[in-house]
Amino acid sequence: MKGYYSGKRQLREDIAGYLFISPWLIGFFAFSVIPILVSFYFSFTDYDILASPVFSGLANFRRMVKDPMFWKAVKVTFHYAFVSVPARLVFAFFVAALFKRAARMIRVYQAAYYLPSLVGGSIAVAVMWRRMFMSDGVVNLFLQSLGINSTVSWIARADTALWILIILAVWQFGSSMLIFLAGLRQIPQTYYEAASIDGAGGISQFFNITLPQMTPIIFFNLIMQLINGFTVFTQAFIISGGKGDPQNSTLAYALYLYLRAFTYYEMGYGSAMAWVLVLIIAVFTGLIFKTSDRWVYYES
């Protein structure tokens, strides 16, 4: 009987626990699991939202191979991700190294540098960024104050528009910087003291102590920022005017997916593109994990 009552009490506690987390579970299944499964089905259909989906097999994926705009979006996204992610991580690491040593008002500086990461993905900041690089924007006004007669609209040039997005991405380095800073402060000071006694200089200490100890943090930041780079949308949508202009130079993958699914009502094709993006991210994430044992150092 004691085991029976103990089992009933455990059951009641389990039910109470599931009731408490039920709002999260409902939201998770309603807004994550079910949409994922539905989009997987739509990727094999011809679906324009207005009519019922018609199964078309691999037609959407075959269409992608022949779609020049698809490959343009892939090229733009790869260019953006492979330039902005390393630049952001290097800059974040550099600033974190400067903040490692305690200084007056260090918390204020950390908050100020972290702020762009909080607001950088917002529409308001993207609009401000677009305005800054227009022909009469603050960037040209600054150049004119230096005696450089610049009236070019940087966002209207195919050779500079994507770099505006990259600069914006690098500007949002605050979250990576704080993670790097936390990692730097966990490195035992005794390592540096022992290295100094052995005659190791600052550069030697960086490459033999700091960098190996920070590789797990670099590994984490690299994966998270690479995913963000491949899925960039808001900044590309606002700065390019929602079309990837000029000359499709800012046509990010997620933006092209959005245009196909919600502007041209090709939801089946858009869903197929979404799953290809998932596959691309999975491949690069898998490669990073596969090679991590060669460059990521774990003390344990």
C-alpha atoms as a PDB file:
ATOM      1  CA  MET A   1       0.000   0.000   0.000  1.00  0.00           C
ATOM      2  CA  LYS A   2       2.866   2.332   0.777  1.00  0.00           C
ATOM      3  CA  GLY A   3       4.223   1.890  -2.759  1.00  0.00           C
ATOM      4  CA  TYR A   4       0.741   2.467  -4.209  1.00  0.00           C
ATOM      5  CA  TYR A   5       0.278   5.804  -2.418  1.00  0.00           C
ATOM      6  CA  SER A   6       3.842   6.809  -3.236  1.00  0.00           C
ATOM      7  CA  GLY A   7       3.157   6.114  -6.916  1.00  0.00           C
ATOM      8  CA  LYS A   8      -0.050   8.185  -6.850  1.00  0.00           C
ATOM      9  CA  ARG A   9       1.765  11.073  -5.204  1.00  0.00           C
ATOM     10  CA  GLN A  10       4.482  10.898  -7.842  1.00  0.00           C
ATOM     11  CA  LEU A  11       1.838  10.850 -10.575  1.00  0.00           C
ATOM     12  CA  ARG A  12       0.137  13.929  -9.122  1.00  0.00           C
ATOM     13  CA  GLU A  13       3.476  15.737  -8.958  1.00  0.00           C
ATOM     14  CA  ASP A  14       4.208  14.818 -12.588  1.00  0.00           C
ATOM     15  CA  ILE A  15       0.791  16.064 -13.716  1.00  0.00           C
ATOM     16  CA  ALA A  16       1.260  19.314 -11.793  1.00  0.00           C
ATOM     17  CA  GLY A  17       4.659  19.777 -13.392  1.00  0.00           C
ATOM     18  CA  TYR A  18       3.304  19.271 -16.887  1.00  0.00           C
ATOM     19  CA  LEU A  19       0.446  21.673 -16.166  1.00  0.00           C
ATOM     20  CA  PHE A  20       2.917  24.352 -15.134  1.00  0.00           C
ATOM     21  CA  ILE A  21       4.995  23.937 -18.312  1.00  0.00           C
ATOM     22  CA  SER A  22       1.946  23.418 -20.555  1.00  0.00           C
ATOM     23  CA  PRO A  23       1.927  27.064 -21.825  1.00  0.00           C
ATOM     24  CA  TRP A  24       5.487  26.579 -23.101  1.00  0.00           C
ATOM     25  CA  LEU A  25       4.690  23.141 -24.544  1.00  0.00           C
ATOM     26  CA  ILE A  26       1.599  24.484 -26.341  1.00  0.00           C
ATOM     27  CA  GLY A  27       3.591  27.375 -27.775  1.00  0.00           C
ATOM     28  CA  PHE A  28       6.478  25.082 -28.749  1.00  0.00           C
ATOM     29  CA  PHE A  29       4.253  22.671 -30.673  1.00  0.00           C
ATOM     30  CA  ALA A  30       1.941  25.368 -32.112  1.00  0.00           C
ATOM     31  CA  PHE A  31       4.662  27.762 -33.275  1.00  0.00           C
ATOM     32  CA  SER A  32       7.670  25.484 -33.835  1.00  0.00           C
ATOM     33  CA  VAL A  33       7.027  21.771 -34.324  1.00  0.00           C
ATOM     34  CA  ILE A  34       3.782  21.970 -36.322  1.00  0.00           C
ATOM     35  CA  PRO A  35       4.987  24.782 -38.670  1.00  0.00           C
ATOM     36  CA  ILE A  36       8.206  22.851 -39.300  1.00  0.00           C
ATOM     37  CA  LEU A  37       6.291  19.712 -40.260  1.00  0.00           C
ATOM     38  CA  VAL A  38       3.824  21.675 -42.391  1.00  0.00           C
ATOM     39  CA  SER A  39       6.614  23.493 -44.249  1.00  0.00           C
ATOM     40  CA  PHE A  40       8.292  20.138 -44.913  1.00  0.00           C
ATOM     41  CA  TYR A  41       5.068  18.938 -46.563  1.00  0.00           C
ATOM     42  CA  PHE A  42       4.650  22.188 -48.506  1.00  0.00           C
ATOM     43  CA  SER A  43       8.190  21.874 -49.895  1.00  0.00           C
ATOM     44  CA  PHE A  44       6.949  18.942 -52.000  1.00  0.00           C
ATOM     45  CA  THR A  45       3.853  20.763 -53.258  1.00  0.00           C
ATOM     46  CA  ASP A  46       2.779  23.502 -55.629  1.00  0.00           C
ATOM     47  CA  TYR A  47       1.078  25.866 -53.199  1.00  0.00           C
ATOM     48  CA  ASP A  48       0.154  29.516 -53.748  1.00  0.00           C
ATOM     49  CA  ILE A  49      -1.697  30.063 -50.418  1.00  0.00           C
ATOM     50  CA  LEU A  50      -4.957  30.883 -52.257  1.00  0.00           C
ATOM     51  CA  ALA A  51      -5.606  27.319 -53.443  1.00  0.00           C
ATOM     52  CA  SER A  52      -5.083  23.904 -51.907  1.00  0.00           C
ATOM     53  CA  PRO A  53      -1.537  22.510 -52.188  1.00  0.00           C
ATOM     54  CA  VAL A  54      -0.911  20.058 -55.001  1.00  0.00           C
ATOM     55  CA  PHE A  55       1.775  17.437 -54.517  1.00  0.00           C
ATOM     56  CA  SER A  56       4.616  17.972 -57.011  1.00  0.00           C
ATOM     57  CA  GLY A  57       7.400  15.779 -55.669  1.00  0.00           C
ATOM     58  CA  LEU A  58      10.885  17.194 -56.133  1.00  0.00           C
ATOM     59  CA  ALA A  59       9.803  19.849 -58.656  1.00  0.00           C
ATOM     60  CA  ASN A  60      10.613  22.747 -56.296  1.00  0.00           C
ATOM     61  CA  PHE A  61      14.113  21.433 -55.649  1.00  0.00           C
ATOM     62  CA  ARG A  62      14.766  20.847 -59.369  1.00  0.00           C
ATOM     63  CA  ARG A  63      13.561  24.387 -60.033  1.00  0.00           C
ATOM     64  CA  MET A  64      16.106  25.734 -57.548  1.00  0.00           C
ATOM     65  CA  VAL A  65      18.985  24.199 -59.487  1.00  0.00           C
ATOM     66  CA  LYS A  66      17.890  26.100 -62.618  1.00  0.00           C
ATOM     67  CA  ASP A  67      16.962  29.354 -60.837  1.00  0.00           C
ATOM     68  CA  PRO A  68      19.732  31.957 -61.382  1.00  0.00           C
ATOM     69  CA  MET A  69      18.293  34.186 -58.660  1.00  0.00           C
ATOM     70  CA  PHE A  70      18.554  31.323 -56.180  1.00  0.00           C
ATOM     71  CA  TRP A  71      22.263  30.980 -56.889  1.00  0.00           C
ATOM     72  CA  LYS A  72      22.667  34.750 -56.698  1.00  0.00           C
ATOM     73  CA  ALA A  73      21.073  34.709 -53.235  1.00  0.00           C
ATOM     74  CA  VAL A  74      23.371  31.857 -52.160  1.00  0.00           C
ATOM     75  CA  LYS A  75      26.423  33.790 -53.394  1.00  0.00           C
ATOM     76  CA  VAL A  76      25.384  36.993 -51.613  1.00  0.00           C
ATOM     77  CA  THR A  77      24.654  35.145 -48.379  1.00  0.00           C
ATOM     78  CA  PHE A  78      27.947  33.254 -48.436  1.00  0.00           C
ATOM     79  CA  HIS A  79      29.836  36.485 -49.111  1.00  0.00           C
ATOM     80  CA  TYR A  80      28.031  38.197 -46.249  1.00  0.00           C
ATOM     81  CA  ALA A  81      28.481  35.338 -43.763  1.00  0.00           C
ATOM     82  CA  PHE A  82      32.118  34.500 -44.564  1.00  0.00           C
ATOM     83  CA  VAL A  83      33.194  38.144 -44.264  1.00  0.00           C
ATOM     84  CA  SER A  84      30.983  39.491 -41.466  1.00  0.00           C
ATOM     85  CA  VAL A  85      31.284  36.543 -39.064  1.00  0.00           C
ATOM     86  CA  PRO A  86      35.117  36.423 -38.843  1.00  0.00           C
ATOM     87  CA  ALA A  87      35.313  40.228 -38.760  1.00  0.00           C
ATOM     88  CA  ARG A  88      32.758  40.420 -35.953  1.00  0.00           C
ATOM     89  CA  LEU A  89      34.485  37.715 -33.906  1.00  0.00           C
ATOM     90  CA  VAL A  90      37.941  39.258 -34.319  1.00  0.00           C
ATOM     91  CA  PHE A  91      36.670  42.689 -33.352  1.00  0.00           C
ATOM     92  CA  ALA A  92      34.706  41.280 -30.400  1.00  0.00           C
ATOM     93  CA  PHE A  93      37.762  39.377 -29.180  1.00  0.00           C
ATOM     94  CA  PHE A  94      39.935  42.481 -29.473  1.00  0.00           C
ATOM     95  CA  VAL A  95      37.516  44.651 -27.474  1.00  0.00           C
ATOM     96  CA  ALA A  96      37.066  41.905 -24.871  1.00  0.00           C
ATOM     97  CA  ALA A  97      40.844  41.760 -24.418  1.00  0.00           C
ATOM     98  CA  LEU A  98      40.863  45.516 -23.787  1.00  0.00           C
ATOM     99  CA  PHE A  99      38.098  45.173 -21.200  1.00  0.00           C
ATOM    100  CA  LYS A 100      39.752  42.250 -19.422  1.00  0.00           C
ATOM    101  CA  ARG A 101      41.685  44.546 -17.140  1.00  0.00           C
ATOM    102  CA  ALA A 102      39.533  46.293 -14.585  1.00  0.00           C
ATOM    103  CA  ALA A 103      39.218  50.004 -15.153  1.00  0.00           C
ATOM    104  CA  ARG A 104      37.141  52.904 -14.009  1.00  0.00           C
ATOM    105  CA  MET A 105      33.509  52.805 -15.306  1.00  0.00           C
ATOM    106  CA  ILE A 106      34.213  49.439 -16.979  1.00  0.00           C
ATOM    107  CA  ARG A 107      30.576  48.345 -16.505  1.00  0.00           C
ATOM    108  CA  VAL A 108      29.333  51.455 -18.272  1.00  0.00           C
ATOM    109  CA  TYR A 109      31.614  50.794 -21.232  1.00  0.00           C
ATOM    110  CA  GLN A 110      30.524  47.157 -21.409  1.00  0.00           C
ATOM    111  CA  ALA A 111      26.863  48.165 -21.451  1.00  0.00           C
ATOM    112  CA  ALA A 112      27.525  50.790 -24.126  1.00  0.00           C
ATOM    113  CA  TYR A 113      29.313  48.292 -26.365  1.00  0.00           C
ATOM    114  CA  TYR A 114      26.625  45.647 -25.783  1.00  0.00           C
ATOM    115  CA  LEU A 115      23.768  48.011 -26.653  1.00  0.00           C
ATOM    116  CA  PRO A 116      24.157  47.656 -30.466  1.00  0.00           C
ATOM    117  CA  SER A 117      23.576  43.901 -30.130  1.00  0.00           C
ATOM    118  CA  LEU A 118      20.279  44.552 -28.369  1.00  0.00           C
ATOM    119  CA  VAL A 119      18.911  47.072 -30.855  1.00  0.00           C
ATOM    120  CA  GLY A 120      20.973  46.244 -33.950  1.00  0.00           C
ATOM    121  CA  GLY A 121      18.445  43.807 -35.383  1.00  0.00           C
ATOM    122  CA  SER A 122      15.532  46.213 -35.063  1.00  0.00           C
ATOM    123  CA  ILE A 123      13.815  47.911 -37.973  1.00  0.00           C
ATOM    124  CA  ALA A 124      14.504  51.360 -36.501  1.00  0.00           C
ATOM    125  CA  VAL A 125      18.279  50.781 -36.520  1.00  0.00           C
ATOM    126  CA  ALA A 126      18.170  49.387 -40.065  1.00  0.00           C
ATOM    127  CA  VAL A 127      16.266  52.488 -41.201  1.00  0.00           C
ATOM    128  CA  MET A 128      18.808  54.711 -39.437  1.00  0.00           C
ATOM    129  CA  TRP A 129      21.677  52.781 -41.025  1.00  0.00           C
ATOM    130  CA  ARG A 130      20.101  53.163 -44.472  1.00  0.00           C
ATOM    131  CA  ARG A 131      19.691  56.893 -43.916  1.00  0.00           C
ATOM    132  CA  MET A 132      23.310  57.274 -42.765  1.00  0.00           C
ATOM    133  CA  PHE A 133      24.702  55.956 -46.032  1.00  0.00           C
ATOM    134  CA  MET A 134      22.464  57.864 -48.429  1.00  0.00           C
ATOM    135  CA  SER A 135      23.832  60.683 -50.581  1.00  0.00           C
ATOM    136  CA  ASP A 136      22.925  63.299 -47.969  1.00  0.00           C
ATOM    137  CA  GLY A 137      23.574  61.022 -44.990  1.00  0.00           C
ATOM    138  CA  VAL A 138      25.866  61.541 -42.043  1.00  0.00           C
ATOM    139  CA  VAL A 139      28.676  59.465 -43.607  1.00  0.00           C
ATOM    140  CA  ASN A 140      29.000  61.834 -46.549  1.00  0.00           C
ATOM    141  CA  LEU A 141      28.685  64.833 -44.239  1.00  0.00           C
ATOM    142  CA  PHE A 142      31.573  63.468 -42.189  1.00  0.00           C
ATOM    143  CA  LEU A 143      33.690  62.907 -45.319  1.00  0.00           C
ATOM    144  CA  GLN A 144      32.886  66.423 -46.516  1.00  0.00           C
ATOM    145  CA  SER A 145      34.036  67.805 -43.158  1.00  0.00           C
ATOM    146  CA  LEU A 146      37.396  66.140 -43.862  1.00  0.00           C
ATOM    147  CA  GLY A 147      37.609  67.876 -47.231  1.00  0.00           C
ATOM    148  CA  ILE A 148      36.435  64.858 -49.273  1.00  0.00           C
ATOM    149  CA  ASN A 149      33.690  65.906 -51.671  1.00  0.00           C
ATOM    150  CA  SER A 150      31.530  62.773 -51.456  1.00  0.00           C
ATOM    151  CA  THR A 151      27.886  62.817 -52.556  1.00  0.00           C
ATOM    152  CA  VAL A 152      27.542  59.172 -53.544  1.00  0.00           C
ATOM    153  CA  SER A 153      24.675  57.077 -52.190  1.00  0.00           C
ATOM    154  CA  TRP A 154      26.521  54.092 -50.768  1.00  0.00           C
ATOM    155  CA  ILE A 155      23.400  51.923 -50.597  1.00  0.00           C
ATOM    156  CA  ALA A 156      22.624  52.617 -54.277  1.00  0.00           C
ATOM    157  CA  ARG A 157      25.919  51.201 -55.555  1.00  0.00           C
ATOM    158  CA  ALA A 158      26.137  47.487 -56.285  1.00  0.00           C
ATOM    159  CA  ASP A 159      29.793  47.361 -55.223  1.00  0.00           C
ATOM    160  CA  THR A 160      29.232  48.931 -51.784  1.00  0.00           C
ATOM    161  CA  ALA A 161      25.657  48.057 -50.722  1.00  0.00           C
ATOM    162  CA  LEU A 162      26.548  44.621 -49.330  1.00  0.00           C
ATOM    163  CA  TRP A 163      29.460  46.105 -47.400  1.00  0.00           C
ATOM    164  CA  ILE A 164      26.973  48.383 -45.632  1.00  0.00           C
ATOM    165  CA  LEU A 165      25.245  45.253 -44.328  1.00  0.00           C
ATOM    166  CA  ILE A 166      28.586  43.744 -43.328  1.00  0.00           C
ATOM    167  CA  ILE A 167      29.600  46.866 -41.398  1.00  0.00           C
ATOM    168  CA  LEU A 168      26.251  46.807 -39.612  1.00  0.00           C
ATOM    169  CA  ALA A 169      26.826  43.165 -38.657  1.00  0.00           C
ATOM    170  CA  VAL A 170      30.310  43.904 -37.297  1.00  0.00           C
ATOM    171  CA  TRP A 171      28.887  46.847 -35.323  1.00  0.00           C
ATOM    172  CA  GLN A 172      26.655  44.362 -33.476  1.00  0.00           C
ATOM    173  CA  PHE A 173      29.599  42.616 -31.810  1.00  0.00           C
ATOM    174  CA  GLY A 174      28.483  43.192 -28.215  1.00  0.00           C
ATOM    175  CA  SER A 175      27.027  39.766 -27.409  1.00  0.00           C
ATOM    176  CA  SER A 176      30.122  37.929 -28.663  1.00  0.00           C
ATOM    177  CA  MET A 177      32.312  40.420 -26.820  1.00  0.00           C
ATOM    178  CA  LEU A 178      30.658  39.714 -23.470  1.00  0.00           C
ATOM    179  CA  ILE A 179      31.010  35.954 -23.974  1.00  0.00           C
ATOM    180  CA  PHE A 180      34.677  36.371 -24.884  1.00  0.00           C
ATOM    181  CA  LEU A 181      35.187  38.617 -21.864  1.00  0.00           C
ATOM    182  CA  ALA A 182      33.674  36.015 -19.537  1.00  0.00           C
ATOM    183  CA  GLY A 183      35.987  33.386 -21.013  1.00  0.00           C
ATOM    184  CA  LEU A 184      39.088  35.573 -20.705  1.00  0.00           C
ATOM    185  CA  ARG A 185      38.390  36.183 -17.031  1.00  0.00           C
ATOM    186  CA  GLN A 186      38.192  32.418 -16.389  1.00  0.00           C
ATOM    187  CA  ILE A 187      41.777  31.810 -17.505  1.00  0.00           C
ATOM    188  CA  PRO A 188      43.882  31.314 -14.348  1.00  0.00           C
ATOM    189  CA  GLN A 189      46.373  34.128 -13.820  1.00  0.00           C
ATOM    190  CA  THR A 190      48.913  31.576 -12.636  1.00  0.00           C
ATOM    191  CA  TYR A 191      49.370  30.431 -16.240  1.00  0.00           C
ATOM    192  CA  TYR A 192      50.596  33.885 -17.234  1.00  0.00           C
ATOM    193  CA  GLU A 193      52.790  34.185 -14.145  1.00  0.00           C
ATOM    194  CA  ALA A 194      54.464  30.856 -14.875  1.00  0.00           C
ATOM    195  CA  ALA A 195      54.963  31.839 -18.527  1.00  0.00           C
ATOM    196  CA  SER A 196      56.518  35.158 -17.481  1.00  0.00           C
ATOM    197  CA  ILE A 197      58.942  33.345 -15.188  1.00  0.00           C
ATOM    198  CA  ASP A 198      59.932  31.133 -18.141  1.00  0.00           C
ATOM    199  CA  GLY A 199      60.606  34.252 -20.211  1.00  0.00           C
ATOM    200  CA  ALA A 200      57.540  34.154 -22.468  1.00  0.00           C
ATOM    201  CA  GLY A 201      56.504  37.538 -23.857  1.00  0.00           C
ATOM    202  CA  GLY A 202      53.040  38.900 -24.510  1.00  0.00           C
ATOM    203  CA  ILE A 203      52.734  37.474 -28.022  1.00  0.00           C
ATOM    204  CA  SER A 204      53.944  34.052 -26.903  1.00  0.00           C
ATOM    205  CA  GLN A 205      51.504  34.075 -23.986  1.00  0.00           C
ATOM    206  CA  PHE A 206      48.640  34.976 -26.326  1.00  0.00           C
ATOM    207  CA  PHE A 207      49.266  32.121 -28.776  1.00  0.00           C
ATOM    208  CA  ASN A 208      50.209  29.511 -26.161  1.00  0.00           C
ATOM    209  CA  ILE A 209      47.849  30.367 -23.303  1.00  0.00           C
ATOM    210  CA  THR A 210      45.066  32.780 -24.210  1.00  0.00           C
ATOM    211  CA  LEU A 211      44.146  31.423 -27.639  1.00  0.00           C
ATOM    212  CA  PRO A 212      44.100  27.697 -26.706  1.00  0.00           C
ATOM    213  CA  GLN A 213      42.104  28.426 -23.533  1.00  0.00           C
ATOM    214  CA  MET A 214      39.594  30.479 -25.531  1.00  0.00           C
ATOM    215  CA  THR A 215      39.009  27.968 -28.337  1.00  0.00           C
ATOM    216  CA  PRO A 216      35.815  26.525 -26.747  1.00  0.00           C
ATOM    217  CA  ILE A 217      34.370  30.056 -26.571  1.00  0.00           C
ATOM    218  CA  ILE A 218      35.475  30.760 -30.142  1.00  0.00           C
ATOM    219  CA  PHE A 219      33.858  27.474 -31.188  1.00  0.00           C
ATOM    220  CA  PHE A 220      30.525  28.454 -29.597  1.00  0.00           C
ATOM    221  CA  ASN A 221      30.543  32.009 -30.965  1.00  0.00           C
ATOM    222  CA  LEU A 222      31.526  30.811 -34.426  1.00  0.00           C
ATOM    223  CA  ILE A 223      28.556  28.458 -34.694  1.00  0.00           C
ATOM    224  CA  MET A 224      26.029  30.963 -33.330  1.00  0.00           C
ATOM    225  CA  GLN A 225      27.251  33.837 -35.487  1.00  0.00           C
ATOM    226  CA  LEU A 226      27.459  31.664 -38.596  1.00  0.00           C
ATOM    227  CA  ILE A 227      23.807  30.682 -38.158  1.00  0.00           C
ATOM    228  CA  ASN A 228      22.906  34.354 -37.746  1.00  0.00           C
ATOM    229  CA  GLY A 229      24.904  35.193 -40.856  1.00  0.00           C
ATOM    230  CA  PHE A 230      23.128  32.632 -43.023  1.00  0.00           C
ATOM    231  CA  THR A 231      19.685  33.752 -41.820  1.00  0.00           C
ATOM    232  CA  VAL A 232      20.126  37.543 -42.089  1.00  0.00           C
ATOM    233  CA  PHE A 233      16.850  39.151 -43.162  1.00  0.00           C
ATOM    234  CA  THR A 234      15.723  42.354 -41.406  1.00  0.00           C
ATOM    235  CA  GLN A 235      18.770  44.427 -42.259  1.00  0.00           C
ATOM    236  CA  ALA A 236      18.821  43.231 -45.884  1.00  0.00           C
ATOM    237  CA  PHE A 237      15.086  43.848 -46.257  1.00  0.00           C
ATOM    238  CA  ILE A 238      15.181  47.424 -44.935  1.00  0.00           C
ATOM    239  CA  ILE A 239      18.452  48.609 -46.437  1.00  0.00           C
ATOM    240  CA  SER A 240      17.716  47.112 -49.872  1.00  0.00           C
ATOM    241  CA  GLY A 241      14.157  48.418 -49.979  1.00  0.00           C
ATOM    242  CA  GLY A 242      12.752  44.917 -49.663  1.00  0.00           C
ATOM    243  CA  LYS A 243      13.976  43.749 -53.085  1.00  0.00           C
ATOM    244  CA  GLY A 244      17.703  43.099 -52.745  1.00  0.00           C
ATOM    245  CA  ASP A 245      18.610  46.252 -54.670  1.00  0.00           C
ATOM    246  CA  PRO A 246      20.795  47.523 -56.200  1.00  0.00           C
ATOM    247  CA  GLN A 247      21.161  44.880 -58.921  1.00  0.00           C
ATOM    248  CA  ASN A 248      20.408  42.105 -56.405  1.00  0.00           C
ATOM    249  CA  SER A 249      23.688  42.836 -54.631  1.00  0.00           C
ATOM    250  CA  THR A 250      21.961  42.572 -51.212  1.00  0.00           C
ATOM    251  CA  LEU A 251      19.609  39.718 -52.106  1.00  0.00           C
ATOM    252  CA  ALA A 252      20.215  37.597 -49.016  1.00  0.00           C
ATOM    253  CA  TYR A 253      18.909  34.024 -49.028  1.00  0.00           C
ATOM    254  CA  ALA A 254      16.251  34.672 -46.389  1.00  0.00           C
ATOM    255  CA  LEU A 255      15.118  37.786 -48.273  1.00  0.00           C
ATOM    256  CA  TYR A 256      14.732  35.880 -51.539  1.00  0.00           C
ATOM    257  CA  LEU A 257      12.856  33.153 -49.660  1.00  0.00           C
ATOM    258  CA  TYR A 258      10.511  35.793 -48.255  1.00  0.00           C
ATOM    259  CA  LEU A 259       9.932  37.343 -51.691  1.00  0.00           C
ATOM    260  CA  ARG A 260       9.057  33.994 -53.239  1.00  0.00           C
ATOM    261  CA  ALA A 261       6.788  32.876 -50.411  1.00  0.00           C
ATOM    262  CA  PHE A 262       5.005  36.072 -49.393  1.00  0.00           C
ATOM    263  CA  THR A 263       5.335  38.445 -52.359  1.00  0.00           C
ATOM    264  CA  TYR A 264       4.883  36.025 -55.263  1.00  0.00           C
ATOM    265  CA  TYR A 265       2.788  33.581 -53.172  1.00  0.00           C
ATOM    266  CA  GLU A 266       4.959  30.607 -54.068  1.00  0.00           C
ATOM    267  CA  MET A 267       4.754  29.035 -50.637  1.00  0.00           C
ATOM    268  CA  GLY A 268       5.787  25.593 -51.865  1.00  0.00           C
ATOM    269  CA  TYR A 269       8.962  26.958 -53.434  1.00  0.00           C
ATOM    270  CA  GLY A 270       9.658  29.112 -50.386  1.00  0.00           C
ATOM    271  CA  SER A 271       9.271  26.101 -48.081  1.00  0.00           C
ATOM    272  CA  ALA A 272      11.709  24.108 -50.224  1.00  0.00           C
ATOM    273  CA  MET A 273      14.191  26.981 -50.021  1.00  0.00           C
ATOM    274  CA  ALA A 274      13.802  27.019 -46.235  1.00  0.00           C
ATOM    275  CA  TRP A 275      14.707  23.344 -45.995  1.00  0.00           C
ATOM    276  CA  VAL A 276      17.703  23.817 -48.273  1.00  0.00           C
ATOM    277  CA  LEU A 277      18.850  26.603 -45.938  1.00  0.00           C
ATOM    278  CA  VAL A 278      18.464  24.232 -42.982  1.00  0.00           C
ATOM    279  CA  LEU A 279      20.602  21.718 -44.865  1.00  0.00           C
ATOM    280  CA  ILE A 280      23.279  24.336 -45.641  1.00  0.00           C
ATOM    281  CA  ILE A 281      23.456  25.395 -41.987  1.00  0.00           C
ATOM    282  CA  ALA A 282      23.551  21.754 -40.865  1.00  0.00           C
ATOM    283  CA  VAL A 283      26.434  20.973 -43.254  1.00  0.00           C
ATOM    284  CA  PHE A 284      28.580  23.886 -42.091  1.00  0.00           C
ATOM    285  CA  THR A 285      27.751  23.260 -38.435  1.00  0.00           C
ATOM    286  CA  GLY A 286      28.646  19.602 -38.906  1.00  0.00           C
ATOM    287  CA  LEU A 287      31.960  20.545 -40.536  1.00  0.00           C
ATOM    288  CA  ILE A 288      32.819  22.811 -37.614  1.00  0.00           C
ATOM    289  CA  PHE A 289      31.993  20.048 -35.129  1.00  0.00           C
ATOM    290  CA  LYS A 290      33.913  17.495 -37.191  1.00  0.00           C
ATOM    291  CA  THR A 291      37.062  19.602 -37.242  1.00  0.00           C
ATOM    292  CA  SER A 292      36.735  20.907 -33.680  1.00  0.00           C
ATOM    293  CA  ASP A 293      38.878  18.120 -32.210  1.00  0.00           C
ATOM    294  CA  ARG A 294      41.820  19.521 -34.189  1.00  0.00           C
ATOM    295  CA  TRP A 295      41.672  23.075 -32.877  1.00  0.00           C
ATOM    296  CA  VAL A 296      39.373  23.241 -29.824  1.00  0.00           C
ATOM    297  CA  TYR A 297      41.215  22.666 -26.545  1.00  0.00           C
ATOM    298  CA  TYR A 298      39.399  21.227 -23.529  1.00  0.00           C
ATOM    299  CA  GLU A 299      41.496  21.104 -20.371  1.00  0.00           C
ATOM    300  CA  SER A 300      39.631  18.040 -19.056  1.00  0.00           C
END
